Amino acid sequence: MAKNSLAGIKACVFDAYGTLFDFAAAAKGCRDVLGNDADRLTALWRDKQLQYTWLRALQARHTDFWQVTGDALDFALETLGIDKPGLRDRLMTLYLKLETFPEVSDTLKRLKQAGLRTAILSNGSPKMLDAAVKGNKLETLLDAVLSVEEVGTYKPHPKVYELAVNRLRVPAMAISFQSSNAWDAYAASAFGMRVVWCNRYGQRPERLPGSPNREVRNFYGLSLPTGASYALGIAELALALALLLGAFRTLSYGLSLIVHTVTVVVSWRQLLDPYGFAQVGNHLWISTWPTWGGFAALFLLRSRDTYSIDSWRGSRT
């Protein structure tokens, strides 16, 4: 696979939790009760959740992911000394309502428009996955939602990755597998899939069999071929230079305003909740508002921008 291309790929298969759905959203939704313990609980809960899947697989004592998730939560709450009435039930309910990361829906739409099949391959139980998919209105964007319950064991067992091959009827080498979990990405690669590691959490490379074909921080531009990526980069550079130098002000200032307006529109969740109190957000997004205002002012006052190439050219005529 070309480093920035999906050439030769017939299906794009995604891990669910941490890749499409933000598992941290459950504890964030209880920040009014958890306070500063929200992040600590998220980390420990997730670690024990994964550990229990691996240990149960090794012991051949399978139970579904809903049970494992509850067991891991009980461990985390007791370890951190958190005992709030109704909190456990509230957290488990929120886990069924996890929101997607901001770029997920658009990425799936682009892949479908490109004629690729799309699917989820997850440790999640059918009940959990059905709730997450329907809650985020992804039903029409996915050709299949595959749970490990069909094979009775957890990732990274090869049976799990084979499930995608069998159900989609696509060879492993024609599947692009996307996961934010490094161990999952490496296991899929060792199985024979072509892999995009969505390294959302800044993990270090694993020392395991297999190797991802590509590493990204999110799924923006995932479906762009190499040529399109270069063309887009050149266009952005040209626009930035025109903006900096004040050349073709109506066009360059106007395009810059449009581009930033699009960013504002598609990122409305982060902008309305920059500090993450409603389960989404990153406080850095708060800078988007004054930046947009700056672009708007620059466009509206473009004729008064005297420190520009256009103004210099006008003075020469």
C-alpha atoms as a PDB file:
ATOM      1  CA  MET A   1       0.000   0.000   0.000  1.00  0.00           C
ATOM      2  CA  ALA A   2       1.296   3.383  -0.956  1.00  0.00           C
ATOM      3  CA  LYS A   3       1.984   5.299   2.173  1.00  0.00           C
ATOM      4  CA  ASN A   4      -0.841   7.831   1.725  1.00  0.00           C
ATOM      5  CA  SER A   5      -3.197   5.792  -0.473  1.00  0.00           C
ATOM      6  CA  LEU A   6      -5.969   3.250  -0.246  1.00  0.00           C
ATOM      7  CA  ALA A   7      -5.104   1.848  -3.683  1.00  0.00           C
ATOM      8  CA  GLY A   8      -6.047  -1.824  -3.943  1.00  0.00           C
ATOM      9  CA  ILE A   9      -8.276  -1.674  -0.865  1.00  0.00           C
ATOM     10  CA  LYS A  10     -11.818  -3.017  -1.155  1.00  0.00           C
ATOM     11  CA  ALA A  11     -12.979  -2.662   2.444  1.00  0.00           C
ATOM     12  CA  CYS A  12     -12.142  -0.410   5.375  1.00  0.00           C
ATOM     13  CA  VAL A  13     -12.696  -2.062   8.756  1.00  0.00           C
ATOM     14  CA  PHE A  14     -12.605  -0.047  11.976  1.00  0.00           C
ATOM     15  CA  ASP A  15     -12.085  -0.900  15.610  1.00  0.00           C
ATOM     16  CA  ALA A  16     -14.817   0.710  17.728  1.00  0.00           C
ATOM     17  CA  TYR A  17     -13.807   1.912  21.196  1.00  0.00           C
ATOM     18  CA  GLY A  18     -11.124   4.588  21.172  1.00  0.00           C
ATOM     19  CA  THR A  19     -11.081   4.532  17.378  1.00  0.00           C
ATOM     20  CA  LEU A  20     -14.586   5.563  16.317  1.00  0.00           C
ATOM     21  CA  PHE A  21     -16.184   6.079  19.734  1.00  0.00           C
ATOM     22  CA  ASP A  22     -14.631   8.126  22.538  1.00  0.00           C
ATOM     23  CA  PHE A  23     -14.544   5.815  25.572  1.00  0.00           C
ATOM     24  CA  ALA A  24     -13.540   8.764  27.786  1.00  0.00           C
ATOM     25  CA  ALA A  25     -16.920  10.391  27.214  1.00  0.00           C
ATOM     26  CA  ALA A  26     -18.657   8.299  29.885  1.00  0.00           C
ATOM     27  CA  ALA A  27     -16.568   9.593  32.799  1.00  0.00           C
ATOM     28  CA  LYS A  28     -16.558  13.112  31.352  1.00  0.00           C
ATOM     29  CA  GLY A  29     -20.344  12.974  31.435  1.00  0.00           C
ATOM     30  CA  CYS A  30     -20.138  12.413  35.200  1.00  0.00           C
ATOM     31  CA  ARG A  31     -17.588  15.126  35.880  1.00  0.00           C
ATOM     32  CA  ASP A  32     -20.148  16.891  38.056  1.00  0.00           C
ATOM     33  CA  VAL A  33     -19.783  13.969  40.480  1.00  0.00           C
ATOM     34  CA  LEU A  34     -16.259  12.745  39.713  1.00  0.00           C
ATOM     35  CA  GLY A  35     -14.518  16.106  39.472  1.00  0.00           C
ATOM     36  CA  ASN A  36     -10.773  15.647  38.989  1.00  0.00           C
ATOM     37  CA  ASP A  37     -11.155  11.870  39.331  1.00  0.00           C
ATOM     38  CA  ALA A  38     -12.800  11.610  35.898  1.00  0.00           C
ATOM     39  CA  ASP A  39      -9.536  11.210  33.991  1.00  0.00           C
ATOM     40  CA  ARG A  40      -8.048   8.806  36.548  1.00  0.00           C
ATOM     41  CA  LEU A  41     -11.166   6.669  36.417  1.00  0.00           C
ATOM     42  CA  THR A  42     -11.174   6.626  32.601  1.00  0.00           C
ATOM     43  CA  ALA A  43      -7.564   5.450  32.443  1.00  0.00           C
ATOM     44  CA  LEU A  44      -7.890   2.702  35.053  1.00  0.00           C
ATOM     45  CA  TRP A  45     -11.275   1.546  33.771  1.00  0.00           C
ATOM     46  CA  ARG A  46      -9.921   1.219  30.235  1.00  0.00           C
ATOM     47  CA  ASP A  47      -6.739  -0.563  31.336  1.00  0.00           C
ATOM     48  CA  LYS A  48      -8.651  -3.165  33.371  1.00  0.00           C
ATOM     49  CA  GLN A  49     -11.232  -3.585  30.612  1.00  0.00           C
ATOM     50  CA  LEU A  50      -8.527  -4.595  28.137  1.00  0.00           C
ATOM     51  CA  GLN A  51      -6.626  -6.684  30.671  1.00  0.00           C
ATOM     52  CA  TYR A  52      -9.759  -8.692  31.464  1.00  0.00           C
ATOM     53  CA  THR A  53     -10.355  -9.450  27.779  1.00  0.00           C
ATOM     54  CA  TRP A  54      -6.809 -10.750  27.362  1.00  0.00           C
ATOM     55  CA  LEU A  55      -6.855 -12.786  30.574  1.00  0.00           C
ATOM     56  CA  ARG A  56     -10.247 -14.320  29.839  1.00  0.00           C
ATOM     57  CA  ALA A  57      -9.086 -15.239  26.344  1.00  0.00           C
ATOM     58  CA  LEU A  58      -5.982 -16.954  27.753  1.00  0.00           C
ATOM     59  CA  GLN A  59      -8.078 -18.863  30.271  1.00  0.00           C
ATOM     60  CA  ALA A  60     -10.736 -19.730  27.669  1.00  0.00           C
ATOM     61  CA  ARG A  61     -13.361 -18.271  30.021  1.00  0.00           C
ATOM     62  CA  HIS A  62     -15.243 -15.977  27.693  1.00  0.00           C
ATOM     63  CA  THR A  63     -17.983 -13.585  28.704  1.00  0.00           C
ATOM     64  CA  ASP A  64     -19.294 -10.678  26.688  1.00  0.00           C
ATOM     65  CA  PHE A  65     -17.806  -7.191  26.670  1.00  0.00           C
ATOM     66  CA  TRP A  66     -20.687  -5.698  28.645  1.00  0.00           C
ATOM     67  CA  GLN A  67     -19.850  -7.945  31.589  1.00  0.00           C
ATOM     68  CA  VAL A  68     -16.136  -7.231  31.234  1.00  0.00           C
ATOM     69  CA  THR A  69     -16.792  -3.486  31.083  1.00  0.00           C
ATOM     70  CA  GLY A  70     -18.856  -3.658  34.283  1.00  0.00           C
ATOM     71  CA  ASP A  71     -16.259  -5.767  36.075  1.00  0.00           C
ATOM     72  CA  ALA A  72     -13.496  -3.338  35.081  1.00  0.00           C
ATOM     73  CA  LEU A  73     -15.567  -0.389  36.291  1.00  0.00           C
ATOM     74  CA  ASP A  74     -16.180  -2.059  39.656  1.00  0.00           C
ATOM     75  CA  PHE A  75     -12.430  -2.613  40.065  1.00  0.00           C
ATOM     76  CA  ALA A  76     -11.627   0.983  39.120  1.00  0.00           C
ATOM     77  CA  LEU A  77     -14.231   2.511  41.429  1.00  0.00           C
ATOM     78  CA  GLU A  78     -13.096   0.426  44.396  1.00  0.00           C
ATOM     79  CA  THR A  79      -9.412   1.079  43.717  1.00  0.00           C
ATOM     80  CA  LEU A  80      -9.943   4.846  43.569  1.00  0.00           C
ATOM     81  CA  GLY A  81     -12.230   4.807  46.610  1.00  0.00           C
ATOM     82  CA  ILE A  82     -15.160   6.285  44.692  1.00  0.00           C
ATOM     83  CA  ASP A  83     -18.523   5.348  46.204  1.00  0.00           C
ATOM     84  CA  LYS A  84     -21.312   7.591  44.952  1.00  0.00           C
ATOM     85  CA  PRO A  85     -24.954   6.435  44.896  1.00  0.00           C
ATOM     86  CA  GLY A  86     -26.142   5.658  41.366  1.00  0.00           C
ATOM     87  CA  LEU A  87     -22.772   6.463  39.787  1.00  0.00           C
ATOM     88  CA  ARG A  88     -22.053   2.965  38.487  1.00  0.00           C
ATOM     89  CA  ASP A  89     -25.380   2.701  36.687  1.00  0.00           C
ATOM     90  CA  ARG A  90     -24.973   6.175  35.273  1.00  0.00           C
ATOM     91  CA  LEU A  91     -21.511   5.389  33.892  1.00  0.00           C
ATOM     92  CA  MET A  92     -22.637   2.113  32.340  1.00  0.00           C
ATOM     93  CA  THR A  93     -25.620   3.821  30.723  1.00  0.00           C
ATOM     94  CA  LEU A  94     -23.356   6.515  29.294  1.00  0.00           C
ATOM     95  CA  TYR A  95     -21.057   3.815  27.887  1.00  0.00           C
ATOM     96  CA  LEU A  96     -23.936   2.802  25.629  1.00  0.00           C
ATOM     97  CA  LYS A  97     -24.186   6.396  24.410  1.00  0.00           C
ATOM     98  CA  LEU A  98     -20.568   7.163  23.571  1.00  0.00           C
ATOM     99  CA  GLU A  99     -20.163   9.801  20.887  1.00  0.00           C
ATOM    100  CA  THR A 100     -17.906   9.479  17.871  1.00  0.00           C
ATOM    101  CA  PHE A 101     -14.785  11.559  17.382  1.00  0.00           C
ATOM    102  CA  PRO A 102     -15.526  14.671  15.260  1.00  0.00           C
ATOM    103  CA  GLU A 103     -14.190  13.405  11.913  1.00  0.00           C
ATOM    104  CA  VAL A 104     -15.693   9.909  11.964  1.00  0.00           C
ATOM    105  CA  SER A 105     -18.978  10.509  10.153  1.00  0.00           C
ATOM    106  CA  ASP A 106     -17.398  12.490   7.316  1.00  0.00           C
ATOM    107  CA  THR A 107     -14.643   9.890   6.930  1.00  0.00           C
ATOM    108  CA  LEU A 108     -17.150   7.060   6.577  1.00  0.00           C
ATOM    109  CA  LYS A 109     -19.145   9.107   4.065  1.00  0.00           C
ATOM    110  CA  ARG A 110     -16.060   9.713   1.923  1.00  0.00           C
ATOM    111  CA  LEU A 111     -15.112   6.058   1.981  1.00  0.00           C
ATOM    112  CA  LYS A 112     -18.619   5.016   0.941  1.00  0.00           C
ATOM    113  CA  GLN A 113     -18.613   7.619  -1.853  1.00  0.00           C
ATOM    114  CA  ALA A 114     -15.307   6.144  -3.045  1.00  0.00           C
ATOM    115  CA  GLY A 115     -17.045   2.771  -3.444  1.00  0.00           C
ATOM    116  CA  LEU A 116     -15.378   1.058  -0.490  1.00  0.00           C
ATOM    117  CA  ARG A 117     -17.135  -1.289   1.902  1.00  0.00           C
ATOM    118  CA  THR A 118     -17.028  -0.220   5.537  1.00  0.00           C
ATOM    119  CA  ALA A 119     -17.385  -2.219   8.732  1.00  0.00           C
ATOM    120  CA  ILE A 120     -16.723  -2.290  12.466  1.00  0.00           C
ATOM    121  CA  LEU A 121     -14.769  -5.189  14.003  1.00  0.00           C
ATOM    122  CA  SER A 122     -14.917  -4.878  17.763  1.00  0.00           C
ATOM    123  CA  ASN A 123     -14.662  -6.584  21.138  1.00  0.00           C
ATOM    124  CA  GLY A 124     -18.002  -4.921  21.894  1.00  0.00           C
ATOM    125  CA  SER A 125     -21.099  -7.032  22.359  1.00  0.00           C
ATOM    126  CA  PRO A 126     -23.858  -6.767  19.729  1.00  0.00           C
ATOM    127  CA  LYS A 127     -26.018  -4.806  22.196  1.00  0.00           C
ATOM    128  CA  MET A 128     -23.262  -2.276  22.878  1.00  0.00           C
ATOM    129  CA  LEU A 129     -22.330  -1.813  19.235  1.00  0.00           C
ATOM    130  CA  ASP A 130     -25.929  -1.500  18.121  1.00  0.00           C
ATOM    131  CA  ALA A 131     -26.519   1.262  20.679  1.00  0.00           C
ATOM    132  CA  ALA A 132     -23.383   3.177  19.672  1.00  0.00           C
ATOM    133  CA  VAL A 133     -23.996   2.883  15.931  1.00  0.00           C
ATOM    134  CA  LYS A 134     -27.654   3.917  16.141  1.00  0.00           C
ATOM    135  CA  GLY A 135     -26.979   6.632  18.692  1.00  0.00           C
ATOM    136  CA  ASN A 136     -24.524   8.264  16.266  1.00  0.00           C
ATOM    137  CA  LYS A 137     -26.679   7.567  13.166  1.00  0.00           C
ATOM    138  CA  LEU A 138     -24.001   5.501  11.417  1.00  0.00           C
ATOM    139  CA  GLU A 139     -26.301   2.705  10.200  1.00  0.00           C
ATOM    140  CA  THR A 140     -26.268   3.800   6.549  1.00  0.00           C
ATOM    141  CA  LEU A 141     -22.503   4.341   6.570  1.00  0.00           C
ATOM    142  CA  LEU A 142     -21.589   0.771   7.564  1.00  0.00           C
ATOM    143  CA  ASP A 143     -21.975  -2.448   5.592  1.00  0.00           C
ATOM    144  CA  ALA A 144     -21.372  -4.652   8.635  1.00  0.00           C
ATOM    145  CA  VAL A 145     -20.961  -4.426  12.396  1.00  0.00           C
ATOM    146  CA  LEU A 146     -18.967  -7.437  13.567  1.00  0.00           C
ATOM    147  CA  SER A 147     -18.668  -8.500  17.203  1.00  0.00           C
ATOM    148  CA  VAL A 148     -16.194 -10.983  18.655  1.00  0.00           C
ATOM    149  CA  GLU A 149     -19.211 -12.795  20.098  1.00  0.00           C
ATOM    150  CA  GLU A 150     -19.439 -14.574  16.746  1.00  0.00           C
ATOM    151  CA  VAL A 151     -16.134 -16.349  17.430  1.00  0.00           C
ATOM    152  CA  GLY A 152     -16.241 -16.481  21.240  1.00  0.00           C
ATOM    153  CA  THR A 153     -12.882 -14.889  21.986  1.00  0.00           C
ATOM    154  CA  TYR A 154     -11.275 -11.467  22.096  1.00  0.00           C
ATOM    155  CA  LYS A 155      -8.694  -9.588  20.086  1.00  0.00           C
ATOM    156  CA  PRO A 156      -5.902 -10.130  19.284  1.00  0.00           C
ATOM    157  CA  HIS A 157      -6.811 -13.768  18.498  1.00  0.00           C
ATOM    158  CA  PRO A 158      -6.502 -14.399  14.724  1.00  0.00           C
ATOM    159  CA  LYS A 159     -10.078 -15.754  14.697  1.00  0.00           C
ATOM    160  CA  VAL A 160     -11.332 -12.229  15.240  1.00  0.00           C
ATOM    161  CA  TYR A 161      -9.571 -10.781  12.184  1.00  0.00           C
ATOM    162  CA  GLU A 162     -10.551 -13.831  10.151  1.00  0.00           C
ATOM    163  CA  LEU A 163     -14.169 -12.996  10.956  1.00  0.00           C
ATOM    164  CA  ALA A 164     -13.882  -9.804   8.872  1.00  0.00           C
ATOM    165  CA  VAL A 165     -12.386 -11.712   5.935  1.00  0.00           C
ATOM    166  CA  ASN A 166     -15.132 -14.333   6.015  1.00  0.00           C
ATOM    167  CA  ARG A 167     -18.068 -11.996   6.516  1.00  0.00           C
ATOM    168  CA  LEU A 168     -16.971  -9.375   3.995  1.00  0.00           C
ATOM    169  CA  ARG A 169     -15.623 -11.996   1.564  1.00  0.00           C
ATOM    170  CA  VAL A 170     -12.581  -9.856   0.921  1.00  0.00           C
ATOM    171  CA  PRO A 171      -8.958 -11.098   1.144  1.00  0.00           C
ATOM    172  CA  ALA A 172      -6.977  -9.825   4.121  1.00  0.00           C
ATOM    173  CA  MET A 173      -4.603  -7.865   1.896  1.00  0.00           C
ATOM    174  CA  ALA A 174      -7.578  -6.002   0.379  1.00  0.00           C
ATOM    175  CA  ILE A 175      -8.770  -4.855   3.819  1.00  0.00           C
ATOM    176  CA  SER A 176      -7.538  -1.668   5.447  1.00  0.00           C
ATOM    177  CA  PHE A 177      -7.913  -2.059   9.205  1.00  0.00           C
ATOM    178  CA  GLN A 178      -8.015   1.069  11.367  1.00  0.00           C
ATOM    179  CA  SER A 179      -7.452   1.021  15.121  1.00  0.00           C
ATOM    180  CA  SER A 180      -6.291   3.468  17.779  1.00  0.00           C
ATOM    181  CA  ASN A 181      -4.963   0.568  19.865  1.00  0.00           C
ATOM    182  CA  ALA A 182      -1.362  -0.170  18.936  1.00  0.00           C
ATOM    183  CA  TRP A 183      -1.558  -3.841  19.963  1.00  0.00           C
ATOM    184  CA  ASP A 184      -4.686  -4.253  17.819  1.00  0.00           C
ATOM    185  CA  ALA A 185      -3.072  -2.573  14.813  1.00  0.00           C
ATOM    186  CA  TYR A 186       0.033  -4.756  15.044  1.00  0.00           C
ATOM    187  CA  ALA A 187      -2.047  -7.933  15.422  1.00  0.00           C
ATOM    188  CA  ALA A 188      -4.134  -7.105  12.337  1.00  0.00           C
ATOM    189  CA  SER A 189      -0.944  -6.451  10.393  1.00  0.00           C
ATOM    190  CA  ALA A 190       0.529  -9.782  11.508  1.00  0.00           C
ATOM    191  CA  PHE A 191      -2.694 -11.446  10.334  1.00  0.00           C
ATOM    192  CA  GLY A 192      -2.135 -10.011   6.863  1.00  0.00           C
ATOM    193  CA  MET A 193      -4.318  -6.917   6.729  1.00  0.00           C
ATOM    194  CA  ARG A 194      -3.086  -3.528   5.620  1.00  0.00           C
ATOM    195  CA  VAL A 195      -3.260  -1.296   8.645  1.00  0.00           C
ATOM    196  CA  VAL A 196      -3.710   2.361   9.513  1.00  0.00           C
ATOM    197  CA  TRP A 197      -2.802   2.993  13.139  1.00  0.00           C
ATOM    198  CA  CYS A 198      -4.855   5.965  14.340  1.00  0.00           C
ATOM    199  CA  ASN A 199      -2.558   6.968  17.159  1.00  0.00           C
ATOM    200  CA  ARG A 200      -4.945   9.335  18.944  1.00  0.00           C
ATOM    201  CA  TYR A 201      -3.215   8.964  22.290  1.00  0.00           C
ATOM    202  CA  GLY A 202       0.449   9.421  21.358  1.00  0.00           C
ATOM    203  CA  GLN A 203       1.454   5.823  22.054  1.00  0.00           C
ATOM    204  CA  ARG A 204       4.916   4.449  21.328  1.00  0.00           C
ATOM    205  CA  PRO A 205       5.350   1.742  18.663  1.00  0.00           C
ATOM    206  CA  GLU A 206       4.885  -1.781  19.975  1.00  0.00           C
ATOM    207  CA  ARG A 207       7.561  -4.496  19.928  1.00  0.00           C
ATOM    208  CA  LEU A 208       5.225  -7.091  18.447  1.00  0.00           C
ATOM    209  CA  PRO A 209       4.850  -9.050  15.199  1.00  0.00           C
ATOM    210  CA  GLY A 210       3.436  -7.003  12.363  1.00  0.00           C
ATOM    211  CA  SER A 211       3.828  -3.332  11.500  1.00  0.00           C
ATOM    212  CA  PRO A 212       1.201  -0.735  10.555  1.00  0.00           C
ATOM    213  CA  ASN A 213       1.448   0.575   6.999  1.00  0.00           C
ATOM    214  CA  ARG A 214       0.576   4.070   8.086  1.00  0.00           C
ATOM    215  CA  GLU A 215       0.279   6.080  11.293  1.00  0.00           C
ATOM    216  CA  VAL A 216      -2.111   9.028  11.658  1.00  0.00           C
ATOM    217  CA  ARG A 217      -3.451  11.070  14.573  1.00  0.00           C
ATOM    218  CA  ASN A 218      -7.037  11.108  13.278  1.00  0.00           C
ATOM    219  CA  PHE A 219      -8.984  10.181  10.162  1.00  0.00           C
ATOM    220  CA  TYR A 220      -9.025  13.554   8.416  1.00  0.00           C
ATOM    221  CA  GLY A 221      -7.979  12.981   4.796  1.00  0.00           C
ATOM    222  CA  LEU A 222      -7.766   9.196   5.214  1.00  0.00           C
ATOM    223  CA  SER A 223      -9.255   8.527   1.797  1.00  0.00           C
ATOM    224  CA  LEU A 224      -7.107  11.017  -0.127  1.00  0.00           C
ATOM    225  CA  PRO A 225      -4.664   9.397  -2.595  1.00  0.00           C
ATOM    226  CA  THR A 226      -1.064  10.592  -2.668  1.00  0.00           C
ATOM    227  CA  GLY A 227      -1.534  12.896  -5.673  1.00  0.00           C
ATOM    228  CA  ALA A 228      -4.554  14.591  -4.132  1.00  0.00           C
ATOM    229  CA  SER A 229      -2.708  15.076  -0.843  1.00  0.00           C
ATOM    230  CA  TYR A 230       0.181  16.849  -2.627  1.00  0.00           C
ATOM    231  CA  ALA A 231      -2.230  18.976  -4.680  1.00  0.00           C
ATOM    232  CA  LEU A 232      -4.138  19.999  -1.572  1.00  0.00           C
ATOM    233  CA  GLY A 233      -0.885  20.854   0.232  1.00  0.00           C
ATOM    234  CA  ILE A 234       0.327  23.020  -2.649  1.00  0.00           C
ATOM    235  CA  ALA A 235      -3.024  24.803  -2.827  1.00  0.00           C
ATOM    236  CA  GLU A 236      -2.953  25.496   0.918  1.00  0.00           C
ATOM    237  CA  LEU A 237       0.610  26.829   0.661  1.00  0.00           C
ATOM    238  CA  ALA A 238      -0.305  29.121  -2.215  1.00  0.00           C
ATOM    239  CA  LEU A 239      -3.327  30.444  -0.305  1.00  0.00           C
ATOM    240  CA  ALA A 240      -1.242  31.023   2.825  1.00  0.00           C
ATOM    241  CA  LEU A 241       1.377  32.989   0.862  1.00  0.00           C
ATOM    242  CA  ALA A 242      -1.281  35.078  -0.874  1.00  0.00           C
ATOM    243  CA  LEU A 243      -2.873  35.803   2.508  1.00  0.00           C
ATOM    244  CA  LEU A 244       0.466  36.731   4.076  1.00  0.00           C
ATOM    245  CA  LEU A 245       1.500  39.033   1.222  1.00  0.00           C
ATOM    246  CA  GLY A 246      -1.935  40.533   0.624  1.00  0.00           C
ATOM    247  CA  ALA A 247      -2.086  39.403  -2.988  1.00  0.00           C
ATOM    248  CA  PHE A 248      -5.464  39.110  -4.744  1.00  0.00           C
ATOM    249  CA  ARG A 249      -7.105  40.207  -1.520  1.00  0.00           C
ATOM    250  CA  THR A 250     -10.727  39.573  -2.421  1.00  0.00           C
ATOM    251  CA  LEU A 251      -9.950  36.018  -3.522  1.00  0.00           C
ATOM    252  CA  SER A 252      -7.309  35.058  -0.926  1.00  0.00           C
ATOM    253  CA  TYR A 253      -9.012  36.700   2.056  1.00  0.00           C
ATOM    254  CA  GLY A 254     -12.383  35.348   0.958  1.00  0.00           C
ATOM    255  CA  LEU A 255     -11.128  31.780   0.511  1.00  0.00           C
ATOM    256  CA  SER A 256      -9.362  31.905   3.868  1.00  0.00           C
ATOM    257  CA  LEU A 257     -12.594  33.022   5.530  1.00  0.00           C
ATOM    258  CA  ILE A 258     -14.539  30.229   3.808  1.00  0.00           C
ATOM    259  CA  VAL A 259     -12.010  27.569   4.840  1.00  0.00           C
ATOM    260  CA  HIS A 260     -12.079  28.670   8.460  1.00  0.00           C
ATOM    261  CA  THR A 261     -15.877  28.919   8.419  1.00  0.00           C
ATOM    262  CA  VAL A 262     -16.028  25.282   7.315  1.00  0.00           C
ATOM    263  CA  THR A 263     -13.750  24.365  10.232  1.00  0.00           C
ATOM    264  CA  VAL A 264     -16.083  26.190  12.620  1.00  0.00           C
ATOM    265  CA  VAL A 265     -19.165  24.453  11.237  1.00  0.00           C
ATOM    266  CA  VAL A 266     -17.801  20.887  11.335  1.00  0.00           C
ATOM    267  CA  SER A 267     -16.343  21.406  14.811  1.00  0.00           C
ATOM    268  CA  TRP A 268     -19.472  22.828  16.429  1.00  0.00           C
ATOM    269  CA  ARG A 269     -19.400  20.329  19.314  1.00  0.00           C
ATOM    270  CA  GLN A 270     -15.947  21.405  20.472  1.00  0.00           C
ATOM    271  CA  LEU A 271     -16.752  25.069  19.970  1.00  0.00           C
ATOM    272  CA  LEU A 272     -19.910  24.971  22.075  1.00  0.00           C
ATOM    273  CA  ASP A 273     -18.166  22.981  24.802  1.00  0.00           C
ATOM    274  CA  PRO A 274     -14.429  23.827  24.658  1.00  0.00           C
ATOM    275  CA  TYR A 275     -13.693  22.519  28.150  1.00  0.00           C
ATOM    276  CA  GLY A 276     -15.338  19.135  27.678  1.00  0.00           C
ATOM    277  CA  PHE A 277     -18.056  19.422  30.325  1.00  0.00           C
ATOM    278  CA  ALA A 278     -20.610  17.819  28.011  1.00  0.00           C
ATOM    279  CA  GLN A 279     -18.379  14.861  27.077  1.00  0.00           C
ATOM    280  CA  VAL A 280     -16.683  16.553  24.120  1.00  0.00           C
ATOM    281  CA  GLY A 281     -14.149  19.277  23.609  1.00  0.00           C
ATOM    282  CA  ASN A 282     -10.637  20.480  23.954  1.00  0.00           C
ATOM    283  CA  HIS A 283     -10.004  23.910  25.462  1.00  0.00           C
ATOM    284  CA  LEU A 284      -7.727  24.816  22.522  1.00  0.00           C
ATOM    285  CA  TRP A 285     -10.830  25.022  20.308  1.00  0.00           C
ATOM    286  CA  ILE A 286     -11.863  28.203  22.100  1.00  0.00           C
ATOM    287  CA  SER A 287      -9.301  30.081  19.988  1.00  0.00           C
ATOM    288  CA  THR A 288     -11.347  29.263  16.882  1.00  0.00           C
ATOM    289  CA  TRP A 289     -13.887  32.000  17.644  1.00  0.00           C
ATOM    290  CA  PRO A 290     -11.509  35.015  17.678  1.00  0.00           C
ATOM    291  CA  THR A 291      -9.581  33.553  14.734  1.00  0.00           C
ATOM    292  CA  TRP A 292     -12.767  33.381  12.685  1.00  0.00           C
ATOM    293  CA  GLY A 293     -13.560  36.959  13.703  1.00  0.00           C
ATOM    294  CA  GLY A 294     -10.109  38.019  12.541  1.00  0.00           C
ATOM    295  CA  PHE A 295     -10.604  36.451   9.109  1.00  0.00           C
ATOM    296  CA  ALA A 296     -14.030  38.076   8.797  1.00  0.00           C
ATOM    297  CA  ALA A 297     -12.646  41.518   9.698  1.00  0.00           C
ATOM    298  CA  LEU A 298      -9.735  41.084   7.293  1.00  0.00           C
ATOM    299  CA  PHE A 299     -12.100  40.302   4.433  1.00  0.00           C
ATOM    300  CA  LEU A 300     -14.555  43.108   5.215  1.00  0.00           C
ATOM    301  CA  LEU A 301     -11.738  45.674   5.569  1.00  0.00           C
ATOM    302  CA  ARG A 302      -9.621  44.360   2.693  1.00  0.00           C
ATOM    303  CA  SER A 303      -9.783  47.620   0.767  1.00  0.00           C
ATOM    304  CA  ARG A 304      -8.139  49.423   3.695  1.00  0.00           C
ATOM    305  CA  ASP A 305      -5.256  46.956   4.008  1.00  0.00           C
ATOM    306  CA  THR A 306      -2.426  49.206   2.814  1.00  0.00           C
ATOM    307  CA  TYR A 307       0.386  46.842   3.794  1.00  0.00           C
ATOM    308  CA  SER A 308      -0.206  44.468   0.912  1.00  0.00           C
ATOM    309  CA  ILE A 309       0.997  43.675  -2.592  1.00  0.00           C
ATOM    310  CA  ASP A 310      -2.362  44.734  -4.024  1.00  0.00           C
ATOM    311  CA  SER A 311      -2.068  48.126  -2.341  1.00  0.00           C
ATOM    312  CA  TRP A 312       1.496  48.503  -3.614  1.00  0.00           C
ATOM    313  CA  ARG A 313       0.442  47.653  -7.162  1.00  0.00           C
ATOM    314  CA  GLY A 314      -2.426  50.150  -6.913  1.00  0.00           C
ATOM    315  CA  SER A 315      -0.037  52.927  -5.893  1.00  0.00           C
ATOM    316  CA  ARG A 316       2.121  52.201  -8.953  1.00  0.00           C
ATOM    317  CA  THR A 317      -0.732  52.783 -11.384  1.00  0.00           C
END
